[in-house]
Amino acid sequence: MLRSLKFVAIALATLLVVEPAIAQYQPNNRAPTILRKLVPPVVKPNLSLLPNVRIKPSQAAAIAQAQVPYSKVVKVKLLPRGDYAVTLVADGNVTRVIVDGQDGSVN
């Protein structure tokens, strides 16, 4: 009986000491803002400003991938003249394919 009373007394004392600390606890929301600063935002080109671009970057990637069998698309870049430069990797070899932004033909 005396042992259980000691246990209850210790538990109550712990709650009285810890409760104010728990009430003041605020989660640390700094971590996501730090991560947002490290990761640059994704910038998508505004295709409406380029009247000579009719195909999407995903379409250009698919066209370029059809030219190089078993390849993986690494990067798709819109060139100033309205063409897409698609960088592909196949078997460790890096290949760059230029896809016309107007009709999708490969240059």
C-alpha atoms as a PDB file:
ATOM      1  CA  MET A   1       0.000   0.000   0.000  1.00  0.00           C
ATOM      2  CA  LEU A   2       2.776   2.406   0.920  1.00  0.00           C
ATOM      3  CA  ARG A   3       4.588   1.583  -2.333  1.00  0.00           C
ATOM      4  CA  SER A   4       1.529   2.484  -4.467  1.00  0.00           C
ATOM      5  CA  LEU A   5       1.072   5.767  -2.562  1.00  0.00           C
ATOM      6  CA  LYS A   6       4.696   6.686  -3.301  1.00  0.00           C
ATOM      7  CA  PHE A   7       4.101   5.963  -6.963  1.00  0.00           C
ATOM      8  CA  VAL A   8       0.956   8.140  -7.038  1.00  0.00           C
ATOM      9  CA  ALA A   9       2.759  10.953  -5.220  1.00  0.00           C
ATOM     10  CA  ILE A  10       5.669  10.848  -7.693  1.00  0.00           C
ATOM     11  CA  ALA A  11       3.286  10.812 -10.650  1.00  0.00           C
ATOM     12  CA  LEU A  12       1.350  13.833  -9.345  1.00  0.00           C
ATOM     13  CA  ALA A  13       4.556  15.754  -8.625  1.00  0.00           C
ATOM     14  CA  THR A  14       5.798  15.030 -12.144  1.00  0.00           C
ATOM     15  CA  LEU A  15       2.536  16.247 -13.673  1.00  0.00           C
ATOM     16  CA  LEU A  16       2.648  19.456 -11.644  1.00  0.00           C
ATOM     17  CA  VAL A  17       6.197  20.174 -12.810  1.00  0.00           C
ATOM     18  CA  VAL A  18       5.789  19.146 -16.477  1.00  0.00           C
ATOM     19  CA  GLU A  19       2.346  20.608 -17.232  1.00  0.00           C
ATOM     20  CA  PRO A  20       3.463  24.284 -17.551  1.00  0.00           C
ATOM     21  CA  ALA A  21       6.279  23.226 -19.868  1.00  0.00           C
ATOM     22  CA  ILE A  22       3.853  21.302 -22.074  1.00  0.00           C
ATOM     23  CA  ALA A  23       1.463  24.270 -22.190  1.00  0.00           C
ATOM     24  CA  GLN A  24       4.251  26.551 -23.447  1.00  0.00           C
ATOM     25  CA  TYR A  25       5.460  24.117 -26.107  1.00  0.00           C
ATOM     26  CA  GLN A  26       5.209  25.407 -29.659  1.00  0.00           C
ATOM     27  CA  PRO A  27       6.154  23.223 -32.598  1.00  0.00           C
ATOM     28  CA  ASN A  28       9.228  24.271 -34.533  1.00  0.00           C
ATOM     29  CA  ASN A  29       7.929  25.647 -37.843  1.00  0.00           C
ATOM     30  CA  ARG A  30      11.343  26.955 -38.901  1.00  0.00           C
ATOM     31  CA  ALA A  31      12.439  23.790 -40.674  1.00  0.00           C
ATOM     32  CA  PRO A  32      10.058  24.068 -43.670  1.00  0.00           C
ATOM     33  CA  THR A  33      11.056  27.702 -44.294  1.00  0.00           C
ATOM     34  CA  ILE A  34      14.713  26.720 -44.262  1.00  0.00           C
ATOM     35  CA  LEU A  35      14.014  23.969 -46.794  1.00  0.00           C
ATOM     36  CA  ARG A  36      12.042  26.371 -48.981  1.00  0.00           C
ATOM     37  CA  LYS A  37      15.071  28.673 -49.125  1.00  0.00           C
ATOM     38  CA  LEU A  38      17.368  25.836 -50.173  1.00  0.00           C
ATOM     39  CA  VAL A  39      15.179  24.495 -52.983  1.00  0.00           C
ATOM     40  CA  PRO A  40      14.831  26.945 -55.880  1.00  0.00           C
ATOM     41  CA  PRO A  41      11.318  27.453 -57.231  1.00  0.00           C
ATOM     42  CA  VAL A  42      10.411  25.743 -60.487  1.00  0.00           C
ATOM     43  CA  VAL A  43      10.141  28.279 -63.279  1.00  0.00           C
ATOM     44  CA  LYS A  44       7.944  27.307 -66.196  1.00  0.00           C
ATOM     45  CA  PRO A  45       8.240  29.303 -69.415  1.00  0.00           C
ATOM     46  CA  ASN A  46       5.200  31.293 -70.450  1.00  0.00           C
ATOM     47  CA  LEU A  47       4.432  29.714 -73.806  1.00  0.00           C
ATOM     48  CA  SER A  48       1.821  32.318 -74.666  1.00  0.00           C
ATOM     49  CA  LEU A  49       4.584  34.921 -75.038  1.00  0.00           C
ATOM     50  CA  LEU A  50       6.217  32.819 -77.759  1.00  0.00           C
ATOM     51  CA  PRO A  51       3.797  32.657 -80.699  1.00  0.00           C
ATOM     52  CA  ASN A  52       5.939  30.179 -82.618  1.00  0.00           C
ATOM     53  CA  VAL A  53       5.765  27.448 -79.916  1.00  0.00           C
ATOM     54  CA  ARG A  54       2.856  25.061 -80.406  1.00  0.00           C
ATOM     55  CA  ILE A  55       3.996  21.897 -78.669  1.00  0.00           C
ATOM     56  CA  LYS A  56       4.458  21.358 -74.933  1.00  0.00           C
ATOM     57  CA  PRO A  57       7.763  20.402 -73.284  1.00  0.00           C
ATOM     58  CA  SER A  58       6.379  16.946 -72.464  1.00  0.00           C
ATOM     59  CA  GLN A  59       5.548  16.416 -76.141  1.00  0.00           C
ATOM     60  CA  ALA A  60       9.049  17.507 -77.151  1.00  0.00           C
ATOM     61  CA  ALA A  61      10.501  15.038 -74.634  1.00  0.00           C
ATOM     62  CA  ALA A  62       8.384  12.208 -76.040  1.00  0.00           C
ATOM     63  CA  ILE A  63       9.430  13.031 -79.616  1.00  0.00           C
ATOM     64  CA  ALA A  64      13.108  13.121 -78.636  1.00  0.00           C
ATOM     65  CA  GLN A  65      12.818   9.875 -76.671  1.00  0.00           C
ATOM     66  CA  ALA A  66      11.394   8.177 -79.758  1.00  0.00           C
ATOM     67  CA  GLN A  67      14.579   9.134 -81.635  1.00  0.00           C
ATOM     68  CA  VAL A  68      16.933   7.544 -79.062  1.00  0.00           C
ATOM     69  CA  PRO A  69      15.790   4.054 -78.001  1.00  0.00           C
ATOM     70  CA  TYR A  70      15.914   3.095 -74.290  1.00  0.00           C
ATOM     71  CA  SER A  71      16.797   6.636 -73.268  1.00  0.00           C
ATOM     72  CA  LYS A  72      15.822   8.698 -70.239  1.00  0.00           C
ATOM     73  CA  VAL A  73      14.996  12.415 -70.418  1.00  0.00           C
ATOM     74  CA  VAL A  74      17.316  14.472 -68.225  1.00  0.00           C
ATOM     75  CA  LYS A  75      16.385  18.023 -69.221  1.00  0.00           C
ATOM     76  CA  VAL A  76      14.090  19.920 -71.562  1.00  0.00           C
ATOM     77  CA  LYS A  77      15.073  23.494 -72.330  1.00  0.00           C
ATOM     78  CA  LEU A  78      13.196  26.045 -74.423  1.00  0.00           C
ATOM     79  CA  LEU A  79      15.626  27.873 -76.693  1.00  0.00           C
ATOM     80  CA  PRO A  80      15.124  31.563 -77.577  1.00  0.00           C
ATOM     81  CA  ARG A  81      14.182  30.788 -81.171  1.00  0.00           C
ATOM     82  CA  GLY A  82      11.301  28.555 -80.023  1.00  0.00           C
ATOM     83  CA  ASP A  83      12.909  25.128 -80.325  1.00  0.00           C
ATOM     84  CA  TYR A  84      13.374  22.626 -77.510  1.00  0.00           C
ATOM     85  CA  ALA A  85      16.758  21.194 -76.583  1.00  0.00           C
ATOM     86  CA  VAL A  86      16.101  17.794 -75.004  1.00  0.00           C
ATOM     87  CA  THR A  87      18.984  16.134 -73.176  1.00  0.00           C
ATOM     88  CA  LEU A  88      18.801  12.334 -73.037  1.00  0.00           C
ATOM     89  CA  VAL A  89      20.916   9.602 -71.432  1.00  0.00           C
ATOM     90  CA  ALA A  90      21.097   6.098 -72.877  1.00  0.00           C
ATOM     91  CA  ASP A  91      23.661   3.518 -71.699  1.00  0.00           C
ATOM     92  CA  GLY A  92      25.778   6.249 -70.108  1.00  0.00           C
ATOM     93  CA  ASN A  93      25.891   8.324 -73.318  1.00  0.00           C
ATOM     94  CA  VAL A  94      24.480  11.847 -73.219  1.00  0.00           C
ATOM     95  CA  THR A  95      22.608  12.919 -76.349  1.00  0.00           C
ATOM     96  CA  ARG A  96      21.022  16.259 -77.159  1.00  0.00           C
ATOM     97  CA  VAL A  97      18.097  16.366 -79.559  1.00  0.00           C
ATOM     98  CA  ILE A  98      16.688  19.626 -80.935  1.00  0.00           C
ATOM     99  CA  VAL A  99      12.912  19.488 -81.449  1.00  0.00           C
ATOM    100  CA  ASP A 100      11.142  22.192 -83.448  1.00  0.00           C
ATOM    101  CA  GLY A 101       8.634  23.971 -81.194  1.00  0.00           C
ATOM    102  CA  GLN A 102       6.304  24.724 -84.109  1.00  0.00           C
ATOM    103  CA  ASP A 103       5.683  21.304 -85.670  1.00  0.00           C
ATOM    104  CA  GLY A 104       7.678  18.812 -83.562  1.00  0.00           C
ATOM    105  CA  SER A 105      10.172  17.854 -86.218  1.00  0.00           C
ATOM    106  CA  VAL A 106      13.656  16.797 -85.178  1.00  0.00           C
ATOM    107  CA  ASN A 107      16.548  18.931 -86.411  1.00  0.00           C
END
